Amino acid sequence: MARCSICGKGRIISTRGTHKRGVAGGQWKKKAPKSRKIFKPNLHKFQGKIYCVKCLRKVKKQLKEQKPAESPVPKSA
């Protein structure tokens, strides 16, 4: 299972209950049928590592801020 390399976000398994028409209104005759729902994070590969989109934005912003500081442009007289 893939996880984000910064925050460790991975998939989450949850149960959800659904009611059919007529079940929710009036008396409850049957219990709501439950099914499993898997929530998957939005993962992308960037420079050989796996990031979720939230962390990827942070990483790209940090890289953008570092580039101007590393290569200063000489001023002409």
PDB file of N, CA and C in Angstrom:
ATOM      1  N   MET A   1       0.838  -1.176   0.000  1.00  0.00           N
ATOM      2  CA  MET A   1       0.000   0.000   0.000  1.00  0.00           C
ATOM      3  C   MET A   1       0.886   1.243   0.000  1.00  0.00           C
ATOM      4  N   ALA A   2       0.591   2.175  -0.875  1.00  0.00           N
ATOM      5  CA  ALA A   2       1.372   3.403  -0.986  1.00  0.00           C
ATOM      6  C   ALA A   2       0.945   4.409   0.082  1.00  0.00           C
ATOM      7  N   ARG A   3       1.934   5.141   0.570  1.00  0.00           N
ATOM      8  CA  ARG A   3       1.688   6.189   1.562  1.00  0.00           C
ATOM      9  C   ARG A   3       2.474   7.425   1.157  1.00  0.00           C
ATOM     10  N   CYS A   4       2.013   8.569   1.632  1.00  0.00           N
ATOM     11  CA  CYS A   4       2.725   9.821   1.392  1.00  0.00           C
ATOM     12  C   CYS A   4       4.040   9.779   2.163  1.00  0.00           C
ATOM     13  N   SER A   5       5.129  10.228   1.531  1.00  0.00           N
ATOM     14  CA  SER A   5       6.434  10.150   2.176  1.00  0.00           C
ATOM     15  C   SER A   5       6.625  11.231   3.235  1.00  0.00           C
ATOM     16  N   ILE A   6       5.789  12.269   3.272  1.00  0.00           N
ATOM     17  CA  ILE A   6       5.926  13.320   4.288  1.00  0.00           C
ATOM     18  C   ILE A   6       4.963  13.093   5.455  1.00  0.00           C
ATOM     19  N   CYS A   7       3.664  13.037   5.154  1.00  0.00           N
ATOM     20  CA  CYS A   7       2.676  12.965   6.241  1.00  0.00           C
ATOM     21  C   CYS A   7       2.212  11.543   6.544  1.00  0.00           C
ATOM     22  N   GLY A   8       2.507  10.576   5.665  1.00  0.00           N
ATOM     23  CA  GLY A   8       2.129   9.191   5.914  1.00  0.00           C
ATOM     24  C   GLY A   8       0.669   8.884   5.628  1.00  0.00           C
ATOM     25  N   LYS A   9       0.000   9.760   4.880  1.00  0.00           N
ATOM     26  CA  LYS A   9      -1.413   9.555   4.573  1.00  0.00           C
ATOM     27  C   LYS A   9      -1.571   8.330   3.693  1.00  0.00           C
ATOM     28  N   GLY A  10      -2.507   7.459   4.036  1.00  0.00           N
ATOM     29  CA  GLY A  10      -2.777   6.245   3.276  1.00  0.00           C
ATOM     30  C   GLY A  10      -4.271   6.041   3.150  1.00  0.00           C
ATOM     31  N   ARG A  11      -4.678   4.840   2.759  1.00  0.00           N
ATOM     32  CA  ARG A  11      -6.103   4.598   2.587  1.00  0.00           C
ATOM     33  C   ARG A  11      -6.793   4.385   3.933  1.00  0.00           C
ATOM     34  N   ILE A  12      -8.072   4.736   3.974  1.00  0.00           N
ATOM     35  CA  ILE A  12      -8.885   4.596   5.184  1.00  0.00           C
ATOM     36  C   ILE A  12     -10.104   3.759   4.817  1.00  0.00           C
ATOM     37  N   ILE A  13     -10.423   2.754   5.643  1.00  0.00           N
ATOM     38  CA  ILE A  13     -11.582   1.907   5.405  1.00  0.00           C
ATOM     39  C   ILE A  13     -12.655   2.288   6.409  1.00  0.00           C
ATOM     40  N   SER A  14     -13.874   2.502   5.911  1.00  0.00           N
ATOM     41  CA  SER A  14     -14.975   2.931   6.754  1.00  0.00           C
ATOM     42  C   SER A  14     -16.223   2.144   6.363  1.00  0.00           C
ATOM     43  N   THR A  15     -17.230   2.156   7.212  1.00  0.00           N
ATOM     44  CA  THR A  15     -18.508   1.546   6.871  1.00  0.00           C
ATOM     45  C   THR A  15     -19.539   2.643   6.695  1.00  0.00           C
ATOM     46  N   ARG A  16     -20.413   2.432   5.747  1.00  0.00           N
ATOM     47  CA  ARG A  16     -21.474   3.408   5.539  1.00  0.00           C
ATOM     48  C   ARG A  16     -22.802   2.671   5.453  1.00  0.00           C
ATOM     49  N   GLY A  17     -23.816   3.255   6.045  1.00  0.00           N
ATOM     50  CA  GLY A  17     -25.139   2.660   6.024  1.00  0.00           C
ATOM     51  C   GLY A  17     -26.024   3.391   5.039  1.00  0.00           C
ATOM     52  N   THR A  18     -26.769   2.650   4.240  1.00  0.00           N
ATOM     53  CA  THR A  18     -27.660   3.259   3.274  1.00  0.00           C
ATOM     54  C   THR A  18     -29.074   2.756   3.519  1.00  0.00           C
ATOM     55  N   HIS A  19     -30.039   3.606   3.282  1.00  0.00           N
ATOM     56  CA  HIS A  19     -31.442   3.229   3.418  1.00  0.00           C
ATOM     57  C   HIS A  19     -32.104   3.283   2.055  1.00  0.00           C
ATOM     58  N   LYS A  20     -32.963   2.310   1.829  1.00  0.00           N
ATOM     59  CA  LYS A  20     -33.705   2.306   0.576  1.00  0.00           C
ATOM     60  C   LYS A  20     -34.956   3.163   0.740  1.00  0.00           C
ATOM     61  N   ARG A  21     -35.646   3.422  -0.349  1.00  0.00           N
ATOM     62  CA  ARG A  21     -36.846   4.256  -0.287  1.00  0.00           C
ATOM     63  C   ARG A  21     -37.891   3.638   0.628  1.00  0.00           C
ATOM     64  N   GLY A  22     -38.480   4.479   1.439  1.00  0.00           N
ATOM     65  CA  GLY A  22     -39.540   4.011   2.325  1.00  0.00           C
ATOM     66  C   GLY A  22     -39.041   3.495   3.660  1.00  0.00           C
ATOM     67  N   VAL A  23     -37.771   3.201   3.787  1.00  0.00           N
ATOM     68  CA  VAL A  23     -37.244   2.654   5.040  1.00  0.00           C
ATOM     69  C   VAL A  23     -37.028   3.775   6.048  1.00  0.00           C
ATOM     70  N   ALA A  24     -36.510   4.918   5.600  1.00  0.00           N
ATOM     71  CA  ALA A  24     -36.178   5.997   6.525  1.00  0.00           C
ATOM     72  C   ALA A  24     -37.425   6.720   7.016  1.00  0.00           C
ATOM     73  N   GLY A  25     -38.483   6.766   6.229  1.00  0.00           N
ATOM     74  CA  GLY A  25     -39.700   7.457   6.655  1.00  0.00           C
ATOM     75  C   GLY A  25     -40.652   6.479   7.334  1.00  0.00           C
ATOM     76  N   GLY A  26     -41.102   6.799   8.503  1.00  0.00           N
ATOM     77  CA  GLY A  26     -42.027   5.908   9.207  1.00  0.00           C
ATOM     78  C   GLY A  26     -41.291   4.957  10.126  1.00  0.00           C
ATOM     79  N   GLN A  27     -41.862   3.786  10.331  1.00  0.00           N
ATOM     80  CA  GLN A  27     -41.272   2.830  11.263  1.00  0.00           C
ATOM     81  C   GLN A  27     -40.105   2.077  10.619  1.00  0.00           C
ATOM     82  N   TRP A  28     -39.155   1.770  11.460  1.00  0.00           N
ATOM     83  CA  TRP A  28     -37.986   1.031  10.989  1.00  0.00           C
ATOM     84  C   TRP A  28     -38.279  -0.454  11.082  1.00  0.00           C
ATOM     85  N   LYS A  29     -38.324  -1.112   9.943  1.00  0.00           N
ATOM     86  CA  LYS A  29     -38.588  -2.542   9.942  1.00  0.00           C
ATOM     87  C   LYS A  29     -37.302  -3.347   9.821  1.00  0.00           C
ATOM     88  N   LYS A  30     -36.325  -2.778   9.111  1.00  0.00           N
ATOM     89  CA  LYS A  30     -35.055  -3.472   8.901  1.00  0.00           C
ATOM     90  C   LYS A  30     -33.907  -2.563   9.282  1.00  0.00           C
ATOM     91  N   LYS A  31     -32.820  -3.191   9.634  1.00  0.00           N
ATOM     92  CA  LYS A  31     -31.600  -2.439   9.919  1.00  0.00           C
ATOM     93  C   LYS A  31     -30.997  -1.980   8.591  1.00  0.00           C
ATOM     94  N   ALA A  32     -30.336  -0.833   8.603  1.00  0.00           N
ATOM     95  CA  ALA A  32     -29.742  -0.302   7.373  1.00  0.00           C
ATOM     96  C   ALA A  32     -28.626  -1.225   6.892  1.00  0.00           C
ATOM     97  N   PRO A  33     -28.618  -1.577   5.595  1.00  0.00           N
ATOM     98  CA  PRO A  33     -27.527  -2.410   5.080  1.00  0.00           C
ATOM     99  C   PRO A  33     -26.218  -1.625   5.083  1.00  0.00           C
ATOM    100  N   LYS A  34     -25.174  -2.258   5.556  1.00  0.00           N
ATOM    101  CA  LYS A  34     -23.882  -1.584   5.657  1.00  0.00           C
ATOM    102  C   LYS A  34     -22.929  -2.140   4.610  1.00  0.00           C
ATOM    103  N   SER A  35     -22.138  -1.246   4.038  1.00  0.00           N
ATOM    104  CA  SER A  35     -21.133  -1.658   3.064  1.00  0.00           C
ATOM    105  C   SER A  35     -19.815  -0.970   3.407  1.00  0.00           C
ATOM    106  N   ARG A  36     -18.718  -1.563   2.949  1.00  0.00           N
ATOM    107  CA  ARG A  36     -17.397  -0.982   3.205  1.00  0.00           C
ATOM    108  C   ARG A  36     -17.074   0.053   2.151  1.00  0.00           C
ATOM    109  N   LYS A  37     -16.488   1.138   2.587  1.00  0.00           N
ATOM    110  CA  LYS A  37     -16.061   2.200   1.681  1.00  0.00           C
ATOM    111  C   LYS A  37     -14.582   2.425   1.920  1.00  0.00           C
ATOM    112  N   ILE A  38     -13.793   2.436   0.840  1.00  0.00           N
ATOM    113  CA  ILE A  38     -12.361   2.667   0.949  1.00  0.00           C
ATOM    114  C   ILE A  38     -12.059   4.061   0.403  1.00  0.00           C
ATOM    115  N   PHE A  39     -11.519   4.915   1.251  1.00  0.00           N
ATOM    116  CA  PHE A  39     -11.133   6.262   0.857  1.00  0.00           C
ATOM    117  C   PHE A  39      -9.643   6.235   0.522  1.00  0.00           C
ATOM    118  N   LYS A  40      -9.316   6.576  -0.717  1.00  0.00           N
ATOM    119  CA  LYS A  40      -7.928   6.553  -1.166  1.00  0.00           C
ATOM    120  C   LYS A  40      -7.404   7.982  -1.302  1.00  0.00           C
ATOM    121  N   PRO A  41      -6.167   8.241  -0.856  1.00  0.00           N
ATOM    122  CA  PRO A  41      -5.607   9.585  -1.008  1.00  0.00           C
ATOM    123  C   PRO A  41      -5.171   9.841  -2.451  1.00  0.00           C
ATOM    124  N   ASN A  42      -5.067  11.096  -2.806  1.00  0.00           N
ATOM    125  CA  ASN A  42      -4.643  11.497  -4.145  1.00  0.00           C
ATOM    126  C   ASN A  42      -3.116  11.555  -4.152  1.00  0.00           C
ATOM    127  N   LEU A  43      -2.467  10.450  -4.564  1.00  0.00           N
ATOM    128  CA  LEU A  43      -1.016  10.342  -4.532  1.00  0.00           C
ATOM    129  C   LEU A  43      -0.405  10.535  -5.918  1.00  0.00           C
ATOM    130  N   HIS A  44       0.761  11.195  -5.943  1.00  0.00           N
ATOM    131  CA  HIS A  44       1.500  11.419  -7.179  1.00  0.00           C
ATOM    132  C   HIS A  44       2.984  11.184  -6.927  1.00  0.00           C
ATOM    133  N   LYS A  45       3.703  10.751  -7.987  1.00  0.00           N
ATOM    134  CA  LYS A  45       5.148  10.593  -7.892  1.00  0.00           C
ATOM    135  C   LYS A  45       5.809  11.892  -8.333  1.00  0.00           C
ATOM    136  N   PHE A  46       6.813  12.327  -7.572  1.00  0.00           N
ATOM    137  CA  PHE A  46       7.557  13.539  -7.904  1.00  0.00           C
ATOM    138  C   PHE A  46       8.993  13.338  -7.457  1.00  0.00           C
ATOM    139  N   GLN A  47       9.923  13.376  -8.375  1.00  0.00           N
ATOM    140  CA  GLN A  47      11.352  13.172  -8.123  1.00  0.00           C
ATOM    141  C   GLN A  47      11.620  11.864  -7.382  1.00  0.00           C
ATOM    142  N   GLY A  48      10.919  10.804  -7.772  1.00  0.00           N
ATOM    143  CA  GLY A  48      11.163   9.475  -7.220  1.00  0.00           C
ATOM    144  C   GLY A  48      10.495   9.194  -5.888  1.00  0.00           C
ATOM    145  N   LYS A  49       9.772  10.148  -5.316  1.00  0.00           N
ATOM    146  CA  LYS A  49       9.068   9.931  -4.058  1.00  0.00           C
ATOM    147  C   LYS A  49       7.578  10.062  -4.297  1.00  0.00           C
ATOM    148  N   ILE A  50       6.787   9.526  -3.368  1.00  0.00           N
ATOM    149  CA  ILE A  50       5.328   9.585  -3.475  1.00  0.00           C
ATOM    150  C   ILE A  50       4.810  10.629  -2.489  1.00  0.00           C
ATOM    151  N   TYR A  51       4.006  11.570  -3.002  1.00  0.00           N
ATOM    152  CA  TYR A  51       3.439  12.632  -2.178  1.00  0.00           C
ATOM    153  C   TYR A  51       1.928  12.681  -2.378  1.00  0.00           C
ATOM    154  N   CYS A  52       1.183  13.041  -1.311  1.00  0.00           N
ATOM    155  CA  CYS A  52      -0.217  13.388  -1.506  1.00  0.00           C
ATOM    156  C   CYS A  52      -0.234  14.818  -2.047  1.00  0.00           C
ATOM    157  N   VAL A  53      -1.319  15.232  -2.657  1.00  0.00           N
ATOM    158  CA  VAL A  53      -1.358  16.521  -3.348  1.00  0.00           C
ATOM    159  C   VAL A  53      -1.113  17.679  -2.386  1.00  0.00           C
ATOM    160  N   LYS A  54      -1.615  17.567  -1.170  1.00  0.00           N
ATOM    161  CA  LYS A  54      -1.423  18.632  -0.181  1.00  0.00           C
ATOM    162  C   LYS A  54       0.065  18.832   0.119  1.00  0.00           C
ATOM    163  N   CYS A  55       0.801  17.751   0.299  1.00  0.00           N
ATOM    164  CA  CYS A  55       2.233  17.845   0.583  1.00  0.00           C
ATOM    165  C   CYS A  55       3.028  18.218  -0.671  1.00  0.00           C
ATOM    166  N   LEU A  56       2.557  17.775  -1.831  1.00  0.00           N
ATOM    167  CA  LEU A  56       3.240  18.084  -3.084  1.00  0.00           C
ATOM    168  C   LEU A  56       3.245  19.586  -3.341  1.00  0.00           C
ATOM    169  N   ARG A  57       2.144  20.259  -3.009  1.00  0.00           N
ATOM    170  CA  ARG A  57       2.087  21.712  -3.164  1.00  0.00           C
ATOM    171  C   ARG A  57       3.115  22.392  -2.275  1.00  0.00           C
ATOM    172  N   LYS A  58       3.263  21.897  -1.049  1.00  0.00           N
ATOM    173  CA  LYS A  58       4.244  22.460  -0.119  1.00  0.00           C
ATOM    174  C   LYS A  58       5.670  22.269  -0.646  1.00  0.00           C
ATOM    175  N   VAL A  59       5.958  21.074  -1.166  1.00  0.00           N
ATOM    176  CA  VAL A  59       7.298  20.761  -1.664  1.00  0.00           C
ATOM    177  C   VAL A  59       7.633  21.635  -2.869  1.00  0.00           C
ATOM    178  N   LYS A  60       6.690  21.779  -3.799  1.00  0.00           N
ATOM    179  CA  LYS A  60       6.933  22.598  -4.982  1.00  0.00           C
ATOM    180  C   LYS A  60       7.118  24.066  -4.611  1.00  0.00           C
ATOM    181  N   LYS A  61       6.388  24.525  -3.604  1.00  0.00           N
ATOM    182  CA  LYS A  61       6.523  25.917  -3.156  1.00  0.00           C
ATOM    183  C   LYS A  61       7.906  26.137  -2.539  1.00  0.00           C
ATOM    184  N   GLN A  62       8.391  25.171  -1.765  1.00  0.00           N
ATOM    185  CA  GLN A  62       9.724  25.281  -1.154  1.00  0.00           C
ATOM    186  C   GLN A  62      10.809  25.293  -2.229  1.00  0.00           C
ATOM    187  N   LEU A  63      10.658  24.452  -3.260  1.00  0.00           N
ATOM    188  CA  LEU A  63      11.636  24.417  -4.345  1.00  0.00           C
ATOM    189  C   LEU A  63      11.640  25.725  -5.125  1.00  0.00           C
ATOM    190  N   LYS A  64      10.478  26.321  -5.308  1.00  0.00           N
ATOM    191  CA  LYS A  64      10.382  27.600  -6.021  1.00  0.00           C
ATOM    192  C   LYS A  64      11.085  28.710  -5.249  1.00  0.00           C
ATOM    193  N   GLU A  65      10.932  28.718  -3.928  1.00  0.00           N
ATOM    194  CA  GLU A  65      11.549  29.743  -3.090  1.00  0.00           C
ATOM    195  C   GLU A  65      13.060  29.580  -3.017  1.00  0.00           C
ATOM    196  N   GLN A  66      13.575  28.369  -3.124  1.00  0.00           N
ATOM    197  CA  GLN A  66      15.011  28.115  -3.027  1.00  0.00           C
ATOM    198  C   GLN A  66      15.750  28.509  -4.305  1.00  0.00           C
ATOM    199  N   LYS A  67      15.146  28.367  -5.465  1.00  0.00           N
ATOM    200  CA  LYS A  67      15.836  28.631  -6.738  1.00  0.00           C
ATOM    201  C   LYS A  67      16.357  30.059  -6.863  1.00  0.00           C
ATOM    202  N   PRO A  68      15.587  31.121  -6.587  1.00  0.00           N
ATOM    203  CA  PRO A  68      16.138  32.468  -6.727  1.00  0.00           C
ATOM    204  C   PRO A  68      17.290  32.749  -5.768  1.00  0.00           C
ATOM    205  N   ALA A  69      17.274  32.165  -4.598  1.00  0.00           N
ATOM    206  CA  ALA A  69      18.332  32.400  -3.624  1.00  0.00           C
ATOM    207  C   ALA A  69      19.649  31.738  -4.046  1.00  0.00           C
ATOM    208  N   GLU A  70      19.587  30.609  -4.745  1.00  0.00           N
ATOM    209  CA  GLU A  70      20.786  29.880  -5.137  1.00  0.00           C
ATOM    210  C   GLU A  70      21.497  30.514  -6.335  1.00  0.00           C
ATOM    211  N   SER A  71      20.754  31.101  -7.255  1.00  0.00           N
ATOM    212  CA  SER A  71      21.381  31.668  -8.451  1.00  0.00           C
ATOM    213  C   SER A  71      21.116  33.172  -8.533  1.00  0.00           C
ATOM    214  N   PRO A  72      21.905  33.967  -7.837  1.00  0.00           N
ATOM    215  CA  PRO A  72      21.696  35.417  -7.901  1.00  0.00           C
ATOM    216  C   PRO A  72      22.142  35.973  -9.257  1.00  0.00           C
ATOM    217  N   VAL A  73      21.417  36.938  -9.735  1.00  0.00           N
ATOM    218  CA  VAL A  73      21.734  37.563 -11.021  1.00  0.00           C
ATOM    219  C   VAL A  73      22.638  38.747 -10.765  1.00  0.00           C
ATOM    220  N   PRO A  74      23.831  38.807 -11.439  1.00  0.00           N
ATOM    221  CA  PRO A  74      24.725  39.939 -11.210  1.00  0.00           C
ATOM    222  C   PRO A  74      24.139  41.225 -11.805  1.00  0.00           C
ATOM    223  N   LYS A  75      24.270  42.309 -11.072  1.00  0.00           N
ATOM    224  CA  LYS A  75      23.738  43.594 -11.527  1.00  0.00           C
ATOM    225  C   LYS A  75      24.747  44.257 -12.458  1.00  0.00           C
ATOM    226  N   SER A  76      24.239  44.802 -13.548  1.00  0.00           N
ATOM    227  CA  SER A  76      25.129  45.492 -14.487  1.00  0.00           C
ATOM    228  C   SER A  76      25.188  46.983 -14.138  1.00  0.00           C
ATOM    229  N   ALA A  77      26.376  47.571 -14.302  1.00  0.00           N
ATOM    230  CA  ALA A  77      26.573  48.976 -13.934  1.00  0.00           C
ATOM    231  C   ALA A  77      26.182  49.925 -15.011  1.00  0.00           C
TER     232      ALA A  77
END
